[in-house]
Protein backbone atom coordinates (compact mmCIF):
# COMPACT_ATOMS: atom_id res chain seq x y z
CA MET A 1 17.24 24.28 -1.43
CA ALA A 2 13.94 23.46 -0.74
CA ALA A 3 11.49 23.29 -3.37
CA VAL A 4 9.38 26.65 -3.39
CA GLY A 5 6.69 26.41 -0.87
CA PHE A 6 8.07 23.87 1.61
CA ASN A 7 10.53 25.10 4.41
CA SER A 8 9.84 22.57 6.72
CA PHE A 9 8.83 18.79 7.10
CA VAL A 10 6.76 16.76 9.63
CA ILE A 11 7.13 12.85 10.12
CA LEU A 12 3.64 12.21 11.10
CA ALA A 13 4.45 8.64 12.69
CA GLY A 14 4.32 6.42 15.63
CA MET A 15 6.29 4.75 18.19
CA ARG A 16 8.16 1.60 16.55
CA THR A 17 7.16 2.33 12.98
CA GLY A 18 10.91 2.91 12.27
CA SER A 19 10.74 6.95 12.16
CA ASN A 20 14.44 6.91 13.89
CA PHE A 21 15.81 5.13 11.03
CA LEU A 22 13.57 7.53 8.59
CA GLU A 23 14.94 10.24 10.24
CA ALA A 24 18.55 9.13 10.43
CA ASN A 25 18.65 9.07 6.49
CA LEU A 26 16.68 12.31 6.01
CA ASN A 27 19.76 13.68 8.21
CA ALA A 28 22.22 11.97 5.83
CA LEU A 29 20.98 14.00 3.00
CA PRO A 30 23.12 17.53 2.69
CA GLY A 31 20.52 20.35 3.37
CA VAL A 32 17.85 18.53 5.60
CA THR A 33 18.02 18.32 9.00
CA SER A 34 15.30 16.59 11.24
CA TYR A 35 15.41 17.28 15.17
CA GLY A 36 13.53 14.46 16.75
CA GLU A 37 10.48 14.48 18.62
CA VAL A 38 10.50 18.65 19.28
CA PHE A 39 7.24 18.40 20.86
CA ASN A 40 6.91 15.46 23.09
CA PRO A 41 5.85 16.47 26.26
CA HIS A 42 8.09 14.79 28.48
CA PHE A 43 11.58 16.48 26.52
CA ILE A 44 12.63 18.47 23.17
CA GLY A 45 13.97 16.48 20.35
CA LYS A 46 15.63 13.64 22.31
CA LYS A 47 15.32 12.33 25.95
CA ASP A 48 16.61 14.38 28.69
CA THR A 49 16.97 17.50 26.46
CA THR A 50 15.11 20.46 27.51
CA GLU A 51 16.21 22.97 25.22
CA LEU A 52 16.23 23.67 21.73
CA PHE A 53 17.18 27.23 20.13
CA GLY A 54 17.41 28.86 23.26
CA VAL A 55 13.53 27.67 24.06
CA THR A 56 13.24 26.13 27.18
CA LEU A 57 10.75 23.09 27.74
CA ALA A 58 8.49 25.27 30.14
CA GLU A 59 8.37 28.06 27.43
CA ARG A 60 7.27 25.76 25.21
CA GLU A 61 4.62 24.32 26.82
CA ALA A 62 3.26 27.83 27.42
CA ASN A 63 3.55 28.35 23.80
CA PRO A 64 5.34 26.05 21.19
CA MET A 65 4.88 28.85 18.15
CA PRO A 66 8.08 30.23 18.83
CA LEU A 67 10.16 27.01 18.79
CA LEU A 68 8.62 26.24 15.55
CA ARG A 69 9.38 29.55 14.29
CA ARG A 70 13.27 29.15 15.29
CA LEU A 71 13.57 26.02 14.18
CA ARG A 72 12.53 26.83 10.82
CA SER A 73 14.47 30.30 10.58
CA GLU A 74 17.79 29.06 12.18
CA THR A 75 18.39 25.94 10.24
CA ARG A 76 20.56 25.91 6.79
CA GLY A 77 18.05 23.98 4.04
CA ILE A 78 14.66 22.34 5.05
CA ALA A 79 14.20 21.67 9.12
CA GLY A 80 11.56 19.14 10.41
CA PHE A 81 10.95 16.64 13.25
CA ARG A 82 8.96 14.02 13.92
CA PHE A 83 5.12 14.04 15.57
CA PHE A 84 3.33 11.28 17.17
CA HIS A 85 -0.42 11.06 18.22
CA ASP A 86 0.03 11.94 21.87
CA HIS A 87 2.76 15.08 21.37
CA ASP A 88 1.50 18.52 21.46
CA PRO A 89 -2.27 19.00 19.98
CA ARG A 90 -1.50 22.71 19.09
CA VAL A 91 1.42 21.84 16.76
CA LEU A 92 -0.75 19.38 15.03
CA ASP A 93 -3.24 22.08 13.99
CA LEU A 94 -0.21 24.22 13.02
CA VAL A 95 1.59 22.17 10.80
CA LEU A 96 -1.46 20.64 9.10
CA ASP A 97 -2.74 24.01 7.80
CA ASP A 98 0.62 25.04 6.86
CA VAL A 99 0.86 24.44 2.96
CA THR A 100 4.87 25.57 3.29
CA CYS A 101 5.25 22.32 5.49
CA ALA A 102 5.63 19.13 3.96
CA LYS A 103 3.67 16.24 5.27
CA ILE A 104 5.73 12.61 5.32
CA ILE A 105 3.01 10.00 6.73
CA LEU A 106 4.95 6.71 7.87
CA THR A 107 2.77 3.99 8.97
CA ARG A 108 3.68 -0.07 10.01
CA ASN A 109 1.32 -2.92 10.08
CA PRO A 110 0.09 -2.74 13.24
CA VAL A 111 0.73 -5.88 14.94
CA GLU A 112 4.24 -5.64 14.24
CA SER A 113 4.45 -2.24 15.78
CA TYR A 114 2.36 -2.99 18.93
CA VAL A 115 4.60 -6.40 19.92
CA SER A 116 7.75 -4.06 19.01
CA LEU A 117 6.60 -1.66 21.48
CA LEU A 118 5.93 -4.01 24.06
CA ALA A 119 9.27 -5.50 23.23
CA ALA A 120 11.11 -2.18 24.00
CA ARG A 121 9.00 -1.29 27.23
CA SER A 122 10.43 -4.51 28.39
CA THR A 123 13.92 -4.32 27.66
CA GLY A 124 14.33 -0.74 27.68
CA GLN A 125 16.38 -0.71 24.14
CA TRP A 126 14.46 1.68 22.16
CA LYS A 127 17.58 1.62 19.42
CA LEU A 128 20.21 -0.37 18.57
CA THR A 129 23.32 0.71 16.73
CA ASP A 130 25.56 -2.37 17.22
CA ALA A 131 24.00 -5.92 16.90
CA ARG A 132 25.79 -7.48 19.17
CA ARG A 133 24.34 -5.63 22.05
CA LEU A 134 20.75 -6.61 20.82
CA LYS A 135 18.32 -7.34 23.99
CA SER A 136 15.96 -10.37 23.00
CA THR A 137 12.84 -10.98 24.95
CA THR A 138 9.44 -12.87 24.28
CA VAL A 139 6.42 -10.73 25.08
CA ARG A 140 2.72 -11.12 26.15
CA PHE A 141 0.37 -10.19 23.96
CA ASP A 142 -2.65 -8.62 25.25
CA PRO A 143 -5.85 -8.38 22.84
CA ASP A 144 -7.52 -5.58 24.84
CA GLY A 145 -3.98 -3.42 24.62
CA PHE A 146 -3.58 -4.12 20.94
CA ALA A 147 -7.26 -3.06 20.01
CA GLU A 148 -6.64 0.49 21.93
CA HIS A 149 -3.25 0.63 19.86
CA LEU A 150 -4.80 -0.15 16.89
CA ALA A 151 -7.65 2.16 17.66
CA THR A 152 -5.47 5.09 18.47
CA ALA A 153 -3.15 4.60 15.48
CA GLN A 154 -6.37 4.53 13.02
CA ASP A 155 -7.86 7.99 14.56
CA PHE A 156 -4.70 9.88 14.21
CA HIS A 157 -4.29 8.84 10.53
CA LEU A 158 -8.08 9.76 9.84
CA ARG A 159 -7.57 13.15 11.44
CA VAL A 160 -4.41 13.86 9.17
CA LEU A 161 -6.04 12.63 6.16
CA ARG A 162 -9.24 14.37 6.97
CA ARG A 163 -7.64 17.71 7.04
CA LEU A 164 -4.99 16.88 4.01
CA GLN A 165 -8.09 16.56 2.36
CA THR A 166 -10.22 19.82 3.29
CA THR A 167 -7.12 21.84 3.06
CA GLY A 168 -6.14 20.44 -0.60
CA GLN A 169 -3.16 19.06 0.30
CA THR A 170 -1.02 16.04 -0.59
CA ALA A 171 1.53 13.87 1.69
CA PHE A 172 4.62 11.53 1.01
CA ILE A 173 3.08 8.12 2.05
CA LEU A 174 5.98 5.55 3.39
CA ASP A 175 5.34 2.20 5.03
CA TYR A 176 7.83 0.64 7.43
CA GLU A 177 9.34 -1.87 4.23
CA ASP A 178 9.79 1.39 2.11
CA LEU A 179 12.47 2.46 4.48
CA ALA A 180 14.65 -0.32 3.03
CA SER A 181 14.50 1.30 -0.33
CA VAL A 182 17.29 3.91 -1.17
CA GLU A 183 14.91 4.48 -4.43
CA VAL A 184 12.10 5.39 -2.38
CA LEU A 185 14.07 7.45 -0.06
CA ASN A 186 15.63 9.40 -2.76
CA GLY A 187 11.85 9.71 -3.99
CA LEU A 188 11.36 11.65 -0.59
CA ALA A 189 14.27 13.82 -1.03
CA ALA A 190 12.62 14.66 -4.23
CA PHE A 191 9.47 15.47 -2.66
CA LEU A 192 11.03 18.09 -0.26
CA GLY A 193 12.99 19.60 -2.89
CA VAL A 194 16.37 18.99 -2.26
CA GLU A 195 19.12 18.34 -4.47
CA GLY A 196 21.37 15.79 -2.60
CA ARG A 197 20.53 12.22 -2.98
CA LEU A 198 21.48 8.82 -1.39
CA LYS A 199 24.07 6.42 -2.41
CA ALA A 200 23.12 3.86 -0.02
CA VAL A 201 20.68 3.63 2.88
CA ASP A 202 21.76 4.47 6.43
CA ASP A 203 22.72 1.48 8.38
CA THR A 204 23.72 3.13 11.69
CA LEU A 205 20.27 1.93 13.29
CA LYS A 206 19.64 -2.05 13.32
CA LYS A 207 16.71 -3.69 13.22
CA GLN A 208 15.95 -4.52 16.63
CA ASN A 209 13.18 -7.78 16.15
CA PRO A 210 14.23 -9.59 13.15
CA GLU A 211 12.48 -12.49 14.28
CA PRO A 212 9.01 -14.30 13.39
CA LEU A 213 6.18 -12.57 14.81
CA GLU A 214 4.99 -15.71 16.84
CA SER A 215 8.55 -16.49 18.12
CA ARG A 216 8.69 -13.14 20.10
CA LEU A 217 5.16 -13.88 21.97
CA GLU A 218 4.91 -15.62 24.94
CA ASN A 219 1.10 -16.31 23.90
CA PRO A 220 1.22 -16.38 20.23
CA GLU A 221 -1.91 -18.44 20.19
CA ALA A 222 -3.63 -15.56 21.75
CA LEU A 223 -2.58 -13.50 17.99
CA ALA A 224 -5.58 -15.24 16.02
CA PRO A 225 -8.38 -14.68 17.87
CA ALA A 226 -7.80 -10.98 18.61
CA LEU A 227 -6.69 -10.41 14.85
CA ALA A 228 -10.24 -12.16 13.89
CA ARG A 229 -12.43 -9.24 15.81
CA ALA A 230 -9.93 -6.71 14.65
CA ASP A 231 -10.17 -4.43 11.29
CA LEU A 232 -6.24 -5.24 10.96
CA PHE A 233 -5.56 -3.64 7.77
CA ALA A 234 -7.96 -0.88 8.95
CA MET A 235 -9.91 -1.04 5.57
CA SER A 236 -12.83 0.27 6.91
CA ARG A 237 -11.45 3.24 9.00
CA SER A 238 -7.86 3.95 8.21
CA PRO A 239 -6.39 5.66 5.24
CA VAL A 240 -5.88 3.87 1.71
CA PHE A 241 -3.53 5.66 -0.36
CA GLU A 242 -4.25 3.82 -4.05
CA PRO A 243 -6.26 6.05 -6.56
CA ARG A 244 -9.87 5.25 -6.83
CA ARG A 245 -11.09 3.59 -9.95
CA PRO A 246 -14.16 4.93 -12.52
CA ALA A 247 -16.72 2.75 -12.52
CA ALA A 248 -15.46 1.60 -16.12
CA VAL A 249 -18.54 0.74 -17.54
CA PRO A 250 -17.74 0.75 -21.59
CA THR A 251 -15.67 -2.48 -20.18
CA ALA A 252 -18.83 -4.20 -19.21
CA VAL A 253 -20.06 -7.09 -21.76
CA ALA A 254 -23.41 -8.52 -21.79
CA ALA A 255 -24.87 -11.64 -23.45
CA GLY A 256 -26.80 -11.48 -26.52
CA GLU A 257 -30.05 -13.36 -25.51
CA ALA A 258 -29.47 -13.80 -21.64
CA PRO A 259 -29.84 -11.33 -18.76
CA LEU A 260 -25.88 -11.82 -17.74
CA LEU A 261 -23.65 -8.83 -17.62
CA PHE A 262 -19.85 -9.51 -16.90
CA PHE A 263 -17.52 -6.47 -15.65
CA PRO A 264 -14.08 -7.78 -16.67
CA VAL A 265 -11.38 -7.12 -13.95
CA ARG A 266 -7.97 -6.60 -16.22
CA SER A 267 -5.38 -9.44 -16.50
CA GLY A 268 -8.14 -11.65 -15.32
CA PRO A 269 -9.30 -14.21 -17.40
CA ASP A 270 -11.34 -11.86 -19.65
CA ALA A 271 -10.94 -13.86 -22.96
CA ALA A 272 -12.54 -17.18 -21.56
CA LEU A 273 -15.20 -15.41 -19.86
CA ARG A 274 -16.44 -13.29 -23.18
CA ASN A 275 -16.13 -16.95 -25.20
CA TRP A 276 -18.16 -18.64 -22.74
CA LEU A 277 -20.84 -15.39 -22.12
CA SER A 278 -20.92 -15.69 -26.32
CA GLY A 279 -22.46 -18.81 -26.06
CA PHE A 280 -25.70 -16.96 -24.76
CA GLY A 281 -26.47 -15.66 -28.46
CA GLY A 282 -23.31 -13.79 -29.02
CA LEU A 283 -22.17 -10.35 -26.73
CA ARG A 284 -23.22 -7.06 -26.48
CA GLU A 285 -20.54 -4.26 -25.50
CA GLY A 286 -19.64 -0.50 -26.05
CA PHE A 287 -21.84 0.84 -23.01
CA ASP A 288 -22.20 3.47 -21.54
CA GLN A 289 -23.80 4.73 -18.27
CA LYS A 290 -27.23 5.63 -20.09
CA THR A 291 -27.15 2.51 -22.35
CA LEU A 292 -25.92 0.18 -19.54
CA ARG A 293 -29.09 1.59 -17.47
CA GLN A 294 -31.45 0.63 -20.60
CA TRP A 295 -30.15 -2.53 -21.22
CA LYS A 296 -31.08 -3.00 -17.11
CA ARG A 297 -34.47 -1.90 -17.48
CA ALA A 298 -35.30 -3.88 -20.29
CA HIS A 299 -33.59 -7.39 -18.89
CA ALA A 300 -35.51 -7.72 -15.61
CA GLY A 301 -33.93 -10.46 -13.32
CA HIS A 302 -30.60 -9.35 -14.90
CA ARG A 303 -27.30 -10.62 -12.69
CA THR A 304 -24.06 -8.72 -12.76
CA PHE A 305 -21.11 -10.53 -11.88
CA THR A 306 -16.98 -10.18 -12.25
CA VAL A 307 -14.24 -12.43 -11.56
CA VAL A 308 -11.24 -11.99 -9.48
CA ARG A 309 -7.66 -13.63 -10.02
CA HIS A 310 -5.02 -14.81 -7.42
CA PRO A 311 -2.95 -11.64 -7.27
CA LEU A 312 0.31 -13.33 -7.85
CA LEU A 313 -1.20 -14.89 -11.02
CA ARG A 314 -2.57 -11.80 -12.05
CA ALA A 315 0.28 -9.50 -11.56
CA HIS A 316 2.40 -12.40 -13.72
CA VAL A 317 -0.13 -11.96 -16.57
CA ALA A 318 0.25 -7.89 -16.50
CA PHE A 319 4.24 -8.41 -16.46
CA ARG A 320 3.83 -10.76 -19.47
CA GLU A 321 1.21 -9.29 -21.49
CA ARG A 322 1.75 -5.49 -20.61
CA ILE A 323 5.54 -5.00 -19.90
CA ALA A 324 7.41 -8.09 -21.09
CA SER A 325 5.68 -7.55 -24.53
CA GLY A 326 6.36 -3.91 -24.85
CA GLN A 327 2.52 -3.37 -25.04
CA LEU A 328 2.98 -0.50 -22.41
CA ALA A 329 6.23 1.33 -23.73
CA ASP A 330 6.13 3.98 -20.99
CA HIS A 331 5.98 1.89 -18.21
CA ARG A 332 8.65 -0.42 -19.51
CA ARG A 333 11.12 2.19 -19.88
CA ILE A 334 10.31 3.29 -16.28
CA LEU A 335 10.86 -0.33 -15.14
CA ILE A 336 14.65 -0.54 -17.04
CA ARG A 337 15.83 2.87 -16.13
CA ALA A 338 14.76 3.49 -12.84
CA TYR A 339 14.61 0.18 -11.23
CA LYS A 340 17.00 -1.34 -13.00
CA ALA A 341 14.73 -4.28 -14.95
CA ARG A 342 16.42 -6.27 -16.92
CA LEU A 343 14.06 -7.12 -19.53
CA PRO A 344 14.57 -8.93 -22.67
CA GLU A 345 13.83 -7.56 -26.41
CA PRO A 346 10.12 -6.75 -26.67
CA GLY A 347 8.30 -10.51 -27.93
CA GLN A 348 11.49 -12.24 -26.95
CA PRO A 349 11.43 -14.89 -24.35
CA PHE A 350 13.58 -14.39 -21.15
CA PRO A 351 16.92 -16.34 -20.96
CA ASP A 352 16.34 -18.52 -18.37
CA ALA A 353 13.64 -18.86 -15.45
CA ALA A 354 16.23 -16.79 -12.95
CA ALA A 355 15.80 -14.07 -15.32
CA GLU A 356 12.32 -13.50 -15.37
CA ARG A 357 11.65 -14.26 -11.78
CA GLU A 358 13.91 -11.55 -10.75
CA ALA A 359 12.47 -9.17 -13.34
CA PHE A 360 9.14 -10.35 -12.30
CA ARG A 361 10.16 -9.56 -8.45
CA ILE A 362 10.97 -5.89 -9.74
CA PHE A 363 7.78 -5.46 -11.26
CA LEU A 364 5.66 -6.75 -7.84
CA HIS A 365 8.10 -3.63 -6.06
CA TYR A 366 6.66 -1.60 -8.64
CA CYS A 367 3.41 -2.55 -8.12
CA ARG A 368 3.74 -1.90 -4.30
CA LEU A 369 4.66 1.31 -4.77
CA ALA A 370 2.19 2.65 -7.36
CA THR A 371 -0.89 1.15 -5.39
CA SER A 372 0.54 3.04 -2.47
CA GLY A 373 0.27 5.88 -4.48
CA GLN A 374 4.38 6.54 -4.48
CA THR A 375 5.03 6.57 -8.36
CA GLY A 376 4.63 9.50 -10.56
CA GLN A 377 2.99 6.75 -13.03
CA ARG A 378 -1.05 6.29 -13.21
CA VAL A 379 -1.95 3.26 -11.58
CA ASP A 380 -2.90 0.91 -15.10
CA PRO A 381 -5.82 -1.00 -14.71
CA ASN A 382 -3.84 -4.09 -15.17
CA TRP A 383 -1.98 -3.83 -12.04
CA ALA A 384 -4.29 -1.96 -9.64
CA SER A 385 -5.66 -3.75 -6.92
CA GLN A 386 -8.53 -5.53 -7.38
CA THR A 387 -10.36 -4.06 -4.61
CA ALA A 388 -9.99 -0.45 -5.77
CA ILE A 389 -11.48 -1.98 -9.36
CA VAL A 390 -14.56 -3.96 -7.47
CA GLN A 391 -15.17 -0.55 -5.64
CA GLY A 392 -14.84 1.44 -9.09
CA PHE A 393 -17.65 -0.80 -10.10
CA SER A 394 -19.53 -0.24 -7.27
CA ALA A 395 -19.71 3.24 -8.26
CA PHE A 396 -22.45 2.61 -11.15
CA HIS A 397 -23.78 -0.59 -9.22
CA PRO A 398 -22.44 -3.34 -7.01
CA PRO A 399 -21.75 -6.61 -8.61
CA ASP A 400 -24.24 -9.32 -8.05
CA LEU A 401 -21.82 -11.84 -7.72
CA VAL A 402 -17.85 -11.85 -7.09
CA ILE A 403 -16.62 -15.03 -8.35
CA ARG A 404 -12.93 -16.69 -7.43
CA GLU A 405 -11.46 -17.93 -10.71
CA ASP A 406 -10.33 -21.14 -8.75
CA ARG A 407 -14.15 -21.40 -7.95
CA LEU A 408 -15.29 -20.47 -11.54
CA ALA A 409 -17.16 -23.45 -12.59
CA GLU A 410 -19.60 -23.47 -9.56
CA GLY A 411 -19.86 -19.94 -9.79
CA LEU A 412 -21.21 -19.77 -13.14
CA ALA A 413 -23.27 -22.77 -12.69
CA PHE A 414 -25.12 -20.55 -9.71
CA LEU A 415 -25.60 -17.51 -12.20
CA CYS A 416 -27.01 -19.53 -15.15
CA ASN A 417 -29.41 -21.90 -12.06
CA GLU A 418 -30.51 -17.70 -10.73
CA ILE A 419 -31.76 -17.06 -14.34
CA GLY A 420 -33.27 -19.81 -15.02
CA LEU A 421 -31.02 -21.23 -17.52
CA ALA A 422 -29.06 -24.76 -18.53
CA THR A 423 -25.52 -24.18 -17.67
CA ALA A 424 -23.01 -23.68 -20.47
CA PRO A 425 -19.52 -25.59 -20.08
CA PRO A 426 -17.12 -23.28 -18.29
CA PRO A 427 -13.95 -22.20 -19.76
CA GLY A 428 -11.17 -24.57 -20.14
CA PRO A 429 -7.58 -24.22 -18.28
CA ASP A 430 -5.89 -21.09 -18.59
CA ALA A 431 -2.06 -20.96 -19.92
CA ALA A 432 -1.33 -18.23 -17.55
CA ALA A 433 -0.48 -20.77 -14.52
CA GLU A 434 1.55 -22.82 -16.29
CA ALA A 435 3.82 -20.13 -16.79
CA LEU A 436 4.03 -18.87 -13.57
CA ALA A 437 4.49 -22.04 -11.99
CA ALA A 438 7.90 -22.32 -14.04
CA ILE A 439 9.29 -19.39 -12.07
CA HIS A 440 7.19 -19.46 -8.90
CA ASP A 441 8.98 -19.31 -5.39
CA ASP A 442 8.67 -18.27 -1.70
CA SER A 443 10.27 -14.50 -2.74
CA LEU A 444 7.11 -13.81 -5.29
CA GLU A 445 4.58 -14.79 -2.69
CA GLU A 446 6.20 -12.32 -0.28
CA ALA A 447 6.52 -9.96 -3.00
CA ALA A 448 2.54 -10.20 -4.48
CA GLU A 449 1.18 -10.21 -0.72
CA ALA A 450 3.51 -6.79 -0.01
CA ALA A 451 1.90 -5.46 -3.06
CA TYR A 452 -1.72 -6.64 -3.21
CA GLY A 453 -2.47 -6.99 0.95
CA ARG A 454 -6.05 -5.41 0.23
CA ASP A 455 -6.72 -8.03 -2.00
CA TYR A 456 -5.33 -11.04 0.26
CA VAL A 457 -7.30 -10.00 3.08
CA GLY A 458 -10.22 -8.36 1.50
CA PHE A 459 -11.07 -11.69 -0.81
CA GLY A 460 -9.71 -14.23 1.42
CA PHE A 461 -6.42 -15.70 -1.14
CA GLY A 462 -3.92 -17.56 0.53
CA ARG A 463 -0.61 -19.15 -0.86
CA TRP A 464 -1.15 -19.42 -4.96
CA ARG A 465 -1.77 -23.12 -5.93
CA ARG A 466 -1.84 -24.39 -9.64
């Protein structure tokens, strides 16, 4: 039975985002029925179907409300449907304003969805249930077509986000890659309020485009220029579901006798930077907003800085120092119980590199869900994205300089030159890199990029190098 308040649901998605696959898994849950694209302009539910619950296509066009009513009232359990940007706009207004209708938002990397759409149009194959019948093809990437595809997706999701914000509602957020996780899909079942759970992901539908993106294009050389001028991850326009961070003013550290102010990023080279700052007459800390403003007024020409670390290295530091150590016991228990991570007793080493690698990979998966707003726990600052943390600093005042850890010596020298100080010796090498190098492989790189795509793109990080 649906939870109090939800008597229906809507999947807000787009073409080639995995909505068919999501719907198949929802329909595998007892008490859940999803009827497809019920408000597609050309059919009802699925291709060539023009009637549902006794309502014809013409009647639905005249007034969509009776069909929406019958869909809910004549279904045992909780009923829903898929809705795309070009479906009946009257229905979007109805469901967005209805707090008893659960909202499920499904997104996919827009490049992947666009190329997949071109391929489906070329082959006519929109679903695949037998891998032996796969129709492979290459398509021509059209930069203008992609720009239009991206803008349409952004506009649709912005409209949805704004309405949810102004009506005080929340949604269950899914990315295409999440559909492979039975844990995430069962989390969706919990969100809907149904008792049933999946034992495994439904494998009726097969992935249609398993090859690398470039191999599916006739003109892969057109991809890079198009992406260079596109806001691929839509950070400036599309919704970001990671919780906003506070300014974290109490964590700020100032030099005792120099106009230098450091905002540390947790699980970064914090100790090394504090030690470096202390060389300028010790440290001053314990600020609140009032005392920090007073410090700024008293230190004309001051410079504020922060240091960002490669996301993979930072996540491994957080994993070792906060999770494996047992320091954050609640999160550690969740990883063990809900995500089946095998962790040694707090403070004890892993039996071998393979065991640590696997547990760390699970932690990166957890970080991806956390930074997407898909866990019930708070997003700890040790694994929140550095983008969100720096944005939080900026709520008080933007830092003058964001230094990449791999250019730390040059960055600190620049700061000293800015305020007319002799450059102090930079911090020495960090042992954290040696620990990561012992377990590093491609699977960890992929997991880190999935969890911290905003940081990779926003700060220009590439593959981690020791």
